Amino acid sequence: MRRWPTPPGAAAAPMRPMPSRIPTPTPMSADSLAGVSASASGSASASGSADGGSAGSAPASGSAESAGPSGSARSTGSSGSAGSAASAGSARSAGSARSAGSVRSSGSAASARSSGSAGSAGSAGSVRSAGFDLRHHGDAEVRGADAALTDLAVNVRAGTPPEWLKARIAASLDGLAAYPDGRAAREAVAARHGLPAGRVLLTAGAAEAFVLLARALPTRRPVVVHPQFTEPESALRDAGHTVERVVLDERDGFRLTPGAVPEDADLVVIGNPTNPTSVLHPADALAELARPGRTLVVDEAFMDAVPGERESLAGRTDVPGLVVLRSLTKTWGLAGLRIGYVLAEPDTVTALERVQPLWPVSSPALVAAEACCTPSALAEAANAADRMAADRAHLADRLAELAEVRVCGPAAGSFLLIRLPGAAAIRTRLRELGFAVRRGDTFPGLGPDWLRLAVREPATTDRFVIALAKAVAESAD
């Protein structure tokens, strides 16, 4: 097994390609999508394309529509002029070779028009962009009859929620006749991060926060740093924004080069640690992305799985335009309850709250948020992060026994990203052997040779590696 190189330090670093500005592709039909192959990182790409933004593509924030019972106005999210696509995009076709770490598009400037429907194609509810199904997530691997598979596809910690948390949630059911009151939970989250309550907004999971940001902020040039969780881009596209991608270089271990982000981007979204690469970016490098007039969104949904939460920006108030998103669903096993929160400047919190429905977070979820912020809960989460790190190291060591497998590392999250030839067929064979893993070809910047593996306890890992070795051996026959 070859491991990804540690970023250059004292040694002279190789020159990295700088981004070009490329526009969003035209929404594709299901038939045309069938002809677009997902790009394998490091090769010339026909499908790993980027959406390009334009200064004229901001939704008309003045065209307010009723927000429902609350009566608050919200942006209609209408897309801007298609003709305002970045001119650099007109020179690059879908079949052109890409430079890793670049801003990419699958089409010319003429094809940059957004329909406002986020380029949906194929199955209902899916959002596809240049061959990537942005709405495919790990839970799709273990639905229905597939729920019996050993789950390495979903990044929720196994064996959760703990009994004491289930008891607290169950006790809250006696109060379901009353409307939710989030004040206590909001204060608890604020205290947990050493912030005033005015910097906290509770949400129905971190995914809701992406929708609120897309609706509330009148961004002109939003940029999403990939590979990463695809919901931020989906939410922006659904709100009518033209989205631009910065695709990090796999040869550099998918690590951030701050200069790769266009200087005039007024909204930048990046994960830390990043799903699916498990890369933990230095906090100082992320803070360098802040600019006057820019909103910097850092998705820290998996930060509580990092021992000591090193490199977190959650408690920082000195970074202008910073928005940190957190989730309580991963470590505590609350994906079905939907609870997360936003940490941001008070004006940003107020703007997001205006487009949020009334009573967006249920009473049981509020109780869970408060409970997970207690000192004893934080100590339990810290112990779980230490165990996760040890279990992740065990998984990496076992994967090292397979010469065909390359691991993206060093990894910091509750999952590993691996690359191996024929991964799509091997993933299918693994299902026959009783294991579900997350396909990688729905992440912009990756392709069909990538898989994401959730970290499990050593016994499960050992069983999985035996199955993986069998599937790899069979694929070579």
Protein backbone atom coordinates (compact mmCIF):
# COMPACT_ATOMS: atom_id res chain seq x y z
CA MET A 1 0.00 0.00 0.00
CA ARG A 2 1.22 3.50 -0.79
CA ARG A 3 0.28 6.29 1.56
CA TRP A 4 -0.38 9.83 0.51
CA PRO A 5 2.58 12.14 1.07
CA THR A 6 2.66 14.49 4.01
CA PRO A 7 2.51 18.10 2.72
CA PRO A 8 5.99 19.49 2.01
CA GLY A 9 7.57 21.20 4.99
CA ALA A 10 11.20 22.05 5.12
CA ALA A 11 11.77 20.53 1.70
CA ALA A 12 11.10 22.69 -1.31
CA ALA A 13 7.44 22.35 -2.26
CA PRO A 14 6.55 21.65 -5.90
CA MET A 15 4.75 24.35 -7.80
CA ARG A 16 1.01 23.81 -7.67
CA PRO A 17 -1.32 24.68 -10.51
CA MET A 18 -3.44 27.75 -9.90
CA PRO A 19 -7.17 27.80 -10.62
CA SER A 20 -8.86 29.06 -13.70
CA ARG A 21 -12.36 30.53 -13.54
CA ILE A 22 -14.86 28.23 -15.22
CA PRO A 23 -18.69 28.43 -15.34
CA THR A 24 -21.44 26.06 -14.32
CA PRO A 25 -22.49 23.36 -16.81
CA THR A 26 -25.93 23.20 -18.31
CA PRO A 27 -28.32 20.87 -16.46
CA MET A 28 -28.09 17.50 -18.17
CA SER A 29 -30.76 15.05 -19.14
CA ALA A 30 -30.75 11.52 -17.85
CA ASP A 31 -29.80 10.26 -21.30
CA SER A 32 -26.86 12.61 -21.64
CA LEU A 33 -25.71 11.81 -18.14
CA ALA A 34 -25.33 8.19 -19.13
CA GLY A 35 -22.63 9.21 -21.55
CA VAL A 36 -20.61 11.16 -19.00
CA SER A 37 -18.09 9.12 -17.05
CA ALA A 38 -17.09 10.14 -13.55
CA SER A 39 -13.53 11.45 -13.47
CA ALA A 40 -10.72 9.47 -11.88
CA SER A 41 -8.58 11.89 -9.90
CA GLY A 42 -5.22 12.63 -11.41
CA SER A 43 -6.33 11.84 -14.97
CA ALA A 44 -7.77 13.98 -17.73
CA SER A 45 -11.37 14.55 -16.70
CA ALA A 46 -14.51 14.75 -18.80
CA SER A 47 -16.92 14.71 -15.90
CA GLY A 48 -15.24 16.07 -12.79
CA SER A 49 -16.36 19.50 -13.74
CA ALA A 50 -16.84 22.60 -11.72
CA ASP A 51 -19.57 25.09 -11.56
CA GLY A 52 -18.28 28.55 -12.27
CA GLY A 53 -19.70 31.61 -10.61
CA SER A 54 -20.23 35.11 -11.88
CA ALA A 55 -20.55 38.42 -10.20
CA GLY A 56 -23.97 38.84 -11.74
CA SER A 57 -25.45 35.60 -10.53
CA ALA A 58 -26.68 36.68 -7.11
CA PRO A 59 -30.33 36.10 -6.30
CA ALA A 60 -32.36 39.29 -6.24
CA SER A 61 -32.54 39.74 -2.50
CA GLY A 62 -35.00 42.56 -2.91
CA SER A 63 -37.62 40.31 -4.49
CA ALA A 64 -38.95 39.01 -1.22
CA GLU A 65 -41.55 36.32 -0.89
CA SER A 66 -43.63 35.39 2.10
CA ALA A 67 -41.84 33.06 4.46
CA GLY A 68 -45.03 31.53 5.72
CA PRO A 69 -46.55 31.96 9.17
CA SER A 70 -43.63 33.99 10.51
CA GLY A 71 -44.22 36.64 7.88
CA SER A 72 -40.52 37.22 7.36
CA ALA A 73 -39.29 38.02 3.87
CA ARG A 74 -36.87 35.67 2.17
CA SER A 75 -34.81 35.76 -0.97
CA THR A 76 -36.47 34.12 -3.94
CA GLY A 77 -33.17 32.57 -4.94
CA SER A 78 -33.65 33.39 -8.61
CA SER A 79 -30.59 32.74 -10.70
CA GLY A 80 -28.65 35.55 -12.29
CA SER A 81 -27.87 36.19 -15.90
CA ALA A 82 -26.46 33.18 -17.69
CA GLY A 83 -24.41 35.51 -19.82
CA SER A 84 -22.36 36.56 -16.81
CA ALA A 85 -20.45 33.30 -16.66
CA ALA A 86 -16.73 33.78 -16.16
CA SER A 87 -15.10 34.35 -19.54
CA ALA A 88 -12.28 31.96 -18.72
CA GLY A 89 -14.78 29.15 -19.01
CA SER A 90 -15.33 29.69 -22.72
CA ALA A 91 -11.97 28.19 -23.58
CA ARG A 92 -12.36 24.84 -21.93
CA SER A 93 -14.43 21.91 -23.15
CA ALA A 94 -15.78 18.92 -21.26
CA GLY A 95 -13.11 16.66 -22.62
CA SER A 96 -10.14 18.84 -21.79
CA ALA A 97 -7.50 17.70 -19.34
CA ARG A 98 -7.81 19.35 -15.97
CA SER A 99 -5.19 20.55 -13.57
CA ALA A 100 -5.73 19.19 -10.08
CA GLY A 101 -6.53 21.92 -7.61
CA SER A 102 -8.23 24.00 -10.28
CA VAL A 103 -11.65 25.58 -10.64
CA ARG A 104 -13.36 23.38 -13.24
CA SER A 105 -16.33 23.17 -15.55
CA SER A 106 -17.57 20.55 -17.99
CA GLY A 107 -18.77 23.07 -20.52
CA SER A 108 -18.10 26.35 -22.25
CA ALA A 109 -19.44 29.68 -21.12
CA ALA A 110 -22.37 29.20 -23.44
CA SER A 111 -23.43 26.16 -21.46
CA ALA A 112 -23.34 27.87 -18.09
CA ARG A 113 -27.02 28.70 -17.90
CA SER A 114 -28.74 27.52 -14.76
CA SER A 115 -32.37 26.51 -15.01
CA GLY A 116 -32.99 27.36 -11.37
CA SER A 117 -33.87 23.73 -10.75
CA ALA A 118 -30.32 22.82 -9.79
CA GLY A 119 -29.81 20.73 -12.87
CA SER A 120 -31.95 17.88 -11.71
CA ALA A 121 -31.95 14.75 -13.82
CA GLY A 122 -32.60 11.11 -13.28
CA SER A 123 -34.43 10.05 -10.15
CA ALA A 124 -36.74 12.48 -8.41
CA GLY A 125 -35.03 14.69 -5.89
CA SER A 126 -31.52 14.09 -7.19
CA VAL A 127 -29.22 16.94 -8.12
CA ARG A 128 -26.73 16.07 -10.83
CA SER A 129 -23.87 18.22 -12.01
CA ALA A 130 -21.67 16.95 -14.83
CA GLY A 131 -22.28 13.33 -13.93
CA PHE A 132 -22.10 13.68 -10.14
CA ASP A 133 -25.21 12.79 -8.18
CA LEU A 134 -24.86 15.43 -5.47
CA ARG A 135 -27.76 14.04 -3.47
CA HIS A 136 -26.37 10.54 -3.07
CA HIS A 137 -25.30 9.90 0.53
CA GLY A 138 -24.06 6.94 2.53
CA ASP A 139 -27.45 6.07 3.97
CA ALA A 140 -28.56 5.00 0.48
CA GLU A 141 -26.22 2.02 0.83
CA VAL A 142 -28.07 0.56 3.83
CA ARG A 143 -31.75 1.15 3.21
CA GLY A 144 -34.50 -1.45 3.22
CA ALA A 145 -33.23 -5.00 2.84
CA ASP A 146 -29.66 -3.65 2.76
CA ALA A 147 -29.99 -2.57 6.41
CA ALA A 148 -28.75 -6.06 7.34
CA LEU A 149 -25.34 -5.33 5.80
CA THR A 150 -22.44 -4.49 8.08
CA ASP A 151 -22.39 -0.73 7.70
CA LEU A 152 -19.14 0.99 6.74
CA ALA A 153 -21.00 3.47 4.53
CA VAL A 154 -22.48 5.81 7.16
CA ASN A 155 -20.17 7.87 9.35
CA VAL A 156 -22.31 7.71 12.49
CA ARG A 157 -20.45 6.18 15.44
CA ALA A 158 -21.51 2.59 16.04
CA GLY A 159 -23.26 1.64 19.28
CA THR A 160 -24.95 5.00 19.72
CA PRO A 161 -26.86 6.81 21.12
CA PRO A 162 -25.72 5.89 24.64
CA GLU A 163 -28.34 4.73 27.13
CA TRP A 164 -28.20 7.88 29.27
CA LEU A 165 -28.90 10.04 26.21
CA LYS A 166 -31.77 7.85 25.08
CA ALA A 167 -33.26 8.19 28.57
CA ARG A 168 -33.02 11.99 28.44
CA ILE A 169 -34.67 12.07 25.03
CA ALA A 170 -37.41 9.66 26.11
CA ALA A 171 -38.18 11.79 29.15
CA SER A 172 -38.72 14.80 26.90
CA LEU A 173 -41.68 13.12 25.22
CA ASP A 174 -43.92 14.11 28.12
CA GLY A 175 -43.60 17.72 26.97
CA LEU A 176 -44.52 17.24 23.32
CA ALA A 177 -47.81 19.15 23.75
CA ALA A 178 -45.83 22.37 24.15
CA TYR A 179 -44.10 24.21 21.35
CA PRO A 180 -40.31 23.83 21.37
CA ASP A 181 -38.34 26.38 23.39
CA GLY A 182 -34.73 26.46 22.30
CA ARG A 183 -33.37 28.99 24.79
CA ALA A 184 -31.78 26.53 27.22
CA ALA A 185 -30.17 24.50 24.44
CA ARG A 186 -28.90 27.65 22.77
CA GLU A 187 -27.32 28.83 26.00
CA ALA A 188 -25.75 25.39 26.53
CA VAL A 189 -24.18 25.36 23.08
CA ALA A 190 -22.93 28.91 23.54
CA ALA A 191 -21.35 28.06 26.89
CA ARG A 192 -19.78 24.92 25.43
CA HIS A 193 -17.87 27.09 22.92
CA GLY A 194 -17.36 30.15 25.15
CA LEU A 195 -19.59 32.34 23.01
CA PRO A 196 -22.60 34.58 23.64
CA ALA A 197 -25.96 33.05 22.78
CA GLY A 198 -26.43 35.62 20.00
CA ARG A 199 -23.75 33.80 18.02
CA VAL A 200 -25.63 30.48 18.04
CA LEU A 201 -28.43 29.20 15.83
CA LEU A 202 -29.84 25.71 16.39
CA THR A 203 -30.79 23.80 13.25
CA ALA A 204 -32.38 20.53 12.19
CA GLY A 205 -28.98 19.02 11.52
CA ALA A 206 -26.08 20.72 9.76
CA ALA A 207 -27.77 20.05 6.40
CA GLU A 208 -30.50 22.58 7.21
CA ALA A 209 -27.84 25.20 7.84
CA PHE A 210 -26.61 24.89 4.25
CA VAL A 211 -30.13 25.57 2.98
CA LEU A 212 -30.45 28.62 5.25
CA LEU A 213 -27.13 30.01 4.07
CA ALA A 214 -28.10 29.55 0.44
CA ARG A 215 -31.39 31.35 0.96
CA ALA A 216 -30.29 34.12 3.30
CA LEU A 217 -26.99 35.34 1.87
CA PRO A 218 -27.04 37.46 -1.33
CA THR A 219 -23.84 35.90 -2.64
CA ARG A 220 -22.53 36.85 -6.07
CA ARG A 221 -19.72 34.32 -6.44
CA PRO A 222 -20.05 31.25 -4.19
CA VAL A 223 -17.20 28.74 -4.19
CA VAL A 224 -17.28 25.22 -2.77
CA VAL A 225 -13.98 23.46 -2.11
CA HIS A 226 -14.11 19.83 -3.25
CA PRO A 227 -13.95 16.91 -2.68
CA GLN A 228 -16.33 17.45 0.23
CA PHE A 229 -19.86 16.88 1.45
CA THR A 230 -22.09 17.71 -1.51
CA GLU A 231 -25.10 19.24 0.26
CA PRO A 232 -23.64 22.79 0.36
CA GLU A 233 -23.45 22.86 -3.43
CA SER A 234 -26.87 21.25 -3.79
CA ALA A 235 -28.44 23.84 -1.50
CA LEU A 236 -26.80 26.73 -3.35
CA ARG A 237 -27.88 25.39 -6.72
CA ASP A 238 -31.42 24.79 -5.47
CA ALA A 239 -31.54 28.46 -4.40
CA GLY A 240 -30.62 29.50 -7.93
CA HIS A 241 -26.97 30.36 -7.38
CA THR A 242 -24.25 29.65 -9.91
CA VAL A 243 -21.66 27.65 -7.99
CA GLU A 244 -17.95 27.43 -8.62
CA ARG A 245 -15.77 24.52 -7.54
CA VAL A 246 -12.19 24.55 -6.38
CA VAL A 247 -10.98 20.96 -6.66
CA LEU A 248 -8.04 20.11 -4.42
CA ASP A 249 -5.10 18.18 -5.79
CA GLU A 250 -4.94 14.48 -4.93
CA ARG A 251 -1.18 14.56 -5.50
CA ASP A 252 -1.01 16.97 -2.56
CA GLY A 253 -3.19 14.76 -0.39
CA PHE A 254 -6.28 16.95 -1.01
CA ARG A 255 -4.82 19.67 1.17
CA LEU A 256 -5.82 23.28 0.87
CA THR A 257 -3.74 25.88 -0.91
CA PRO A 258 -5.46 29.14 0.16
CA GLY A 259 -4.40 30.85 -3.07
CA ALA A 260 -6.49 28.36 -5.06
CA VAL A 261 -9.68 30.15 -3.98
CA PRO A 262 -10.61 33.06 -6.28
CA GLU A 263 -9.91 36.36 -4.56
CA ASP A 264 -13.32 37.80 -5.36
CA ALA A 265 -15.32 34.80 -4.07
CA ASP A 266 -17.78 36.21 -1.54
CA LEU A 267 -18.85 32.82 -0.12
CA VAL A 268 -16.42 29.95 0.44
CA VAL A 269 -17.43 26.54 1.83
CA ILE A 270 -14.94 23.96 3.08
CA GLY A 271 -15.13 20.97 5.42
CA ASN A 272 -12.76 20.35 8.33
CA PRO A 273 -12.05 17.51 8.78
CA THR A 274 -13.27 17.05 5.25
CA ASN A 275 -15.77 14.42 4.20
CA PRO A 276 -14.79 12.18 2.36
CA THR A 277 -11.02 12.73 2.40
CA SER A 278 -10.63 12.78 6.22
CA VAL A 279 -8.13 15.63 5.80
CA LEU A 280 -7.78 18.04 8.73
CA HIS A 281 -6.78 21.46 7.45
CA PRO A 282 -4.78 23.77 9.74
CA ALA A 283 -7.00 26.37 11.38
CA ASP A 284 -4.61 29.14 10.39
CA ALA A 285 -4.80 28.11 6.73
CA LEU A 286 -8.58 28.29 6.84
CA ALA A 287 -8.51 31.64 8.63
CA GLU A 288 -6.37 32.95 5.75
CA LEU A 289 -9.41 32.50 3.51
CA ALA A 290 -11.29 35.25 5.36
CA ARG A 291 -11.72 38.55 3.50
CA PRO A 292 -13.78 41.70 4.00
CA GLY A 293 -17.13 41.07 2.38
CA ARG A 294 -16.64 37.29 2.27
CA THR A 295 -18.54 34.65 4.23
CA LEU A 296 -16.28 31.74 5.13
CA VAL A 297 -18.28 28.60 5.95
CA VAL A 298 -16.35 25.82 7.70
CA ASP A 299 -18.25 22.55 8.08
CA GLU A 300 -17.00 20.99 11.32
CA ALA A 301 -19.57 18.18 11.43
CA PHE A 302 -16.82 15.67 12.27
CA MET A 303 -14.61 17.87 14.45
CA ASP A 304 -15.77 16.23 17.67
CA ALA A 305 -14.24 12.99 16.36
CA VAL A 306 -10.79 14.67 16.38
CA PRO A 307 -8.91 14.29 19.68
CA GLY A 308 -8.75 17.67 21.35
CA GLU A 309 -10.74 19.18 18.45
CA ARG A 310 -7.44 20.61 17.26
CA GLU A 311 -7.71 23.01 14.33
CA SER A 312 -11.29 23.94 15.22
CA LEU A 313 -12.46 27.48 14.57
CA ALA A 314 -15.66 27.06 16.57
CA GLY A 315 -14.76 29.45 19.40
CA ARG A 316 -13.06 32.10 17.25
CA THR A 317 -14.53 35.60 17.04
CA ASP A 318 -11.53 37.26 15.39
CA VAL A 319 -12.11 35.82 11.89
CA PRO A 320 -14.38 38.15 9.90
CA GLY A 321 -17.33 36.54 8.15
CA LEU A 322 -16.71 33.16 9.78
CA VAL A 323 -19.57 30.65 9.94
CA VAL A 324 -18.89 27.32 11.64
CA LEU A 325 -21.37 24.46 11.31
CA ARG A 326 -21.52 21.64 13.85
CA SER A 327 -23.50 18.41 14.01
CA LEU A 328 -24.41 16.30 17.01
CA THR A 329 -25.55 13.38 14.89
CA LYS A 330 -22.20 11.69 14.17
CA THR A 331 -20.63 11.14 17.57
CA TRP A 332 -23.91 10.70 19.43
CA GLY A 333 -25.84 8.63 16.88
CA LEU A 334 -28.66 11.14 16.39
CA ALA A 335 -28.97 11.20 12.59
CA GLY A 336 -32.68 10.36 12.89
CA LEU A 337 -33.31 13.17 15.38
CA ARG A 338 -31.72 15.97 13.28
CA ILE A 339 -29.79 18.36 15.48
CA GLY A 340 -26.93 20.70 14.66
CA TYR A 341 -26.03 24.35 15.03
CA VAL A 342 -24.42 27.39 13.47
CA LEU A 343 -21.79 29.59 15.12
CA ALA A 344 -21.51 32.99 13.46
CA GLU A 345 -21.59 36.74 13.90
CA PRO A 346 -24.92 37.93 15.37
CA ASP A 347 -25.97 39.67 12.16
CA THR A 348 -25.45 36.45 10.20
CA VAL A 349 -27.37 34.45 12.80
CA THR A 350 -30.24 36.92 12.53
CA ALA A 351 -30.25 36.67 8.72
CA LEU A 352 -30.35 32.88 8.86
CA GLU A 353 -33.07 32.90 11.51
CA ARG A 354 -35.29 35.05 9.25
CA VAL A 355 -35.44 32.34 6.58
CA GLN A 356 -35.78 29.47 9.06
CA PRO A 357 -39.25 28.05 9.67
CA LEU A 358 -40.91 28.54 13.02
CA TRP A 359 -39.94 25.91 15.63
CA PRO A 360 -37.42 24.23 13.33
CA VAL A 361 -35.88 22.00 16.00
CA SER A 362 -38.05 19.55 17.92
CA SER A 363 -38.20 19.44 21.71
CA PRO A 364 -36.44 16.04 21.90
CA ALA A 365 -33.64 17.37 19.69
CA LEU A 366 -33.29 20.46 21.89
CA VAL A 367 -33.01 18.26 24.96
CA ALA A 368 -30.34 16.22 23.22
CA ALA A 369 -28.38 19.36 22.30
CA GLU A 370 -28.39 20.54 25.88
CA ALA A 371 -27.45 17.11 27.20
CA CYS A 372 -24.53 16.71 24.79
CA CYS A 373 -22.98 19.96 25.97
CA THR A 374 -22.63 18.97 29.63
CA PRO A 375 -19.14 18.40 31.05
CA SER A 376 -19.73 14.67 31.43
CA ALA A 377 -20.95 14.39 27.83
CA LEU A 378 -17.95 16.33 26.52
CA ALA A 379 -15.63 14.03 28.46
CA GLU A 380 -17.37 11.01 26.94
CA ALA A 381 -17.03 12.50 23.45
CA ALA A 382 -13.33 13.13 24.05
CA ASN A 383 -12.82 9.50 25.07
CA ALA A 384 -14.75 8.38 22.00
CA ALA A 385 -12.48 10.51 19.79
CA ASP A 386 -9.40 8.83 21.30
CA ARG A 387 -10.87 5.38 20.65
CA MET A 388 -11.81 6.43 17.13
CA ALA A 389 -8.23 7.46 16.42
CA ALA A 390 -6.95 4.09 17.60
CA ASP A 391 -9.57 2.21 15.58
CA ARG A 392 -8.76 4.30 12.50
CA ALA A 393 -5.07 3.44 12.86
CA HIS A 394 -5.99 -0.24 13.07
CA LEU A 395 -8.05 0.02 9.88
CA ALA A 396 -5.20 1.78 8.08
CA ASP A 397 -2.71 -0.85 9.23
CA ARG A 398 -4.91 -3.69 8.02
CA LEU A 399 -5.47 -2.00 4.67
CA ALA A 400 -1.69 -1.74 4.34
CA GLU A 401 -1.67 -5.51 3.89
CA LEU A 402 -3.35 -5.07 0.49
CA ALA A 403 -0.92 -3.82 -2.12
CA GLU A 404 -3.74 -2.70 -4.41
CA VAL A 405 -5.15 -0.24 -1.86
CA ARG A 406 -4.00 3.34 -1.40
CA VAL A 407 -5.15 5.29 1.64
CA CYS A 408 -5.56 9.04 1.68
CA GLY A 409 -3.74 10.23 4.76
CA PRO A 410 -2.85 11.23 7.32
CA ALA A 411 -6.54 10.98 8.19
CA ALA A 412 -8.29 12.73 11.08
CA GLY A 413 -11.99 11.89 10.72
CA SER A 414 -14.12 8.89 11.54
CA PHE A 415 -13.58 7.47 8.04
CA LEU A 416 -10.87 6.72 5.50
CA LEU A 417 -10.80 7.44 1.78
CA ILE A 418 -9.18 4.70 -0.30
CA ARG A 419 -8.40 4.22 -3.96
CA LEU A 420 -8.13 0.88 -5.70
CA PRO A 421 -8.61 -0.27 -9.29
CA GLY A 422 -12.08 -1.57 -10.08
CA ALA A 423 -13.55 -0.14 -6.89
CA ALA A 424 -17.08 -0.04 -8.31
CA ALA A 425 -17.15 -3.79 -8.98
CA ILE A 426 -15.42 -4.51 -5.67
CA ARG A 427 -18.04 -2.46 -3.84
CA THR A 428 -20.75 -4.62 -5.42
CA ARG A 429 -18.92 -7.80 -4.44
CA LEU A 430 -18.51 -6.52 -0.88
CA ARG A 431 -22.28 -6.19 -0.65
CA GLU A 432 -22.59 -9.84 -1.61
CA LEU A 433 -20.10 -10.61 1.17
CA GLY A 434 -22.19 -8.65 3.69
CA PHE A 435 -20.52 -5.21 3.80
CA ALA A 436 -21.73 -1.79 2.67
CA VAL A 437 -19.17 0.90 1.82
CA ARG A 438 -19.63 4.39 0.42
CA ARG A 439 -19.01 4.88 -3.29
CA GLY A 440 -16.70 7.76 -4.10
CA ASP A 441 -17.76 8.69 -7.61
CA THR A 442 -20.53 11.04 -6.48
CA PHE A 443 -17.96 13.44 -4.97
CA PRO A 444 -16.63 16.06 -7.42
CA GLY A 445 -12.89 15.54 -7.68
CA LEU A 446 -13.09 11.77 -7.22
CA GLY A 447 -14.03 8.97 -9.59
CA PRO A 448 -15.04 5.30 -9.82
CA ASP A 449 -11.84 4.02 -8.19
CA TRP A 450 -12.58 5.62 -4.82
CA LEU A 451 -14.38 4.29 -1.74
CA ARG A 452 -15.02 5.80 1.68
CA LEU A 453 -14.87 3.50 4.71
CA ALA A 454 -16.35 4.33 8.09
CA VAL A 455 -14.12 3.43 11.02
CA ARG A 456 -15.45 0.59 13.14
CA GLU A 457 -14.08 -1.39 16.09
CA PRO A 458 -11.16 -3.76 15.36
CA ALA A 459 -13.24 -6.94 15.20
CA THR A 460 -15.46 -5.50 12.46
CA THR A 461 -12.43 -4.10 10.67
CA ASP A 462 -10.73 -7.50 10.66
CA ARG A 463 -13.81 -9.16 9.16
CA PHE A 464 -14.09 -6.42 6.57
CA VAL A 465 -10.45 -6.63 5.46
CA ILE A 466 -10.82 -10.40 4.93
CA ALA A 467 -13.84 -9.73 2.71
CA LEU A 468 -12.05 -6.91 0.89
CA ALA A 469 -9.02 -9.13 0.22
CA LYS A 470 -11.33 -11.77 -1.21
CA ALA A 471 -13.11 -9.26 -3.44
CA VAL A 472 -9.81 -7.80 -4.67
CA ALA A 473 -8.40 -11.26 -5.42
CA GLU A 474 -11.52 -12.24 -7.35
CA SER A 475 -11.39 -9.03 -9.38
CA ALA A 476 -7.85 -9.90 -10.47
CA ASP A 477 -8.84 -13.34 -11.78
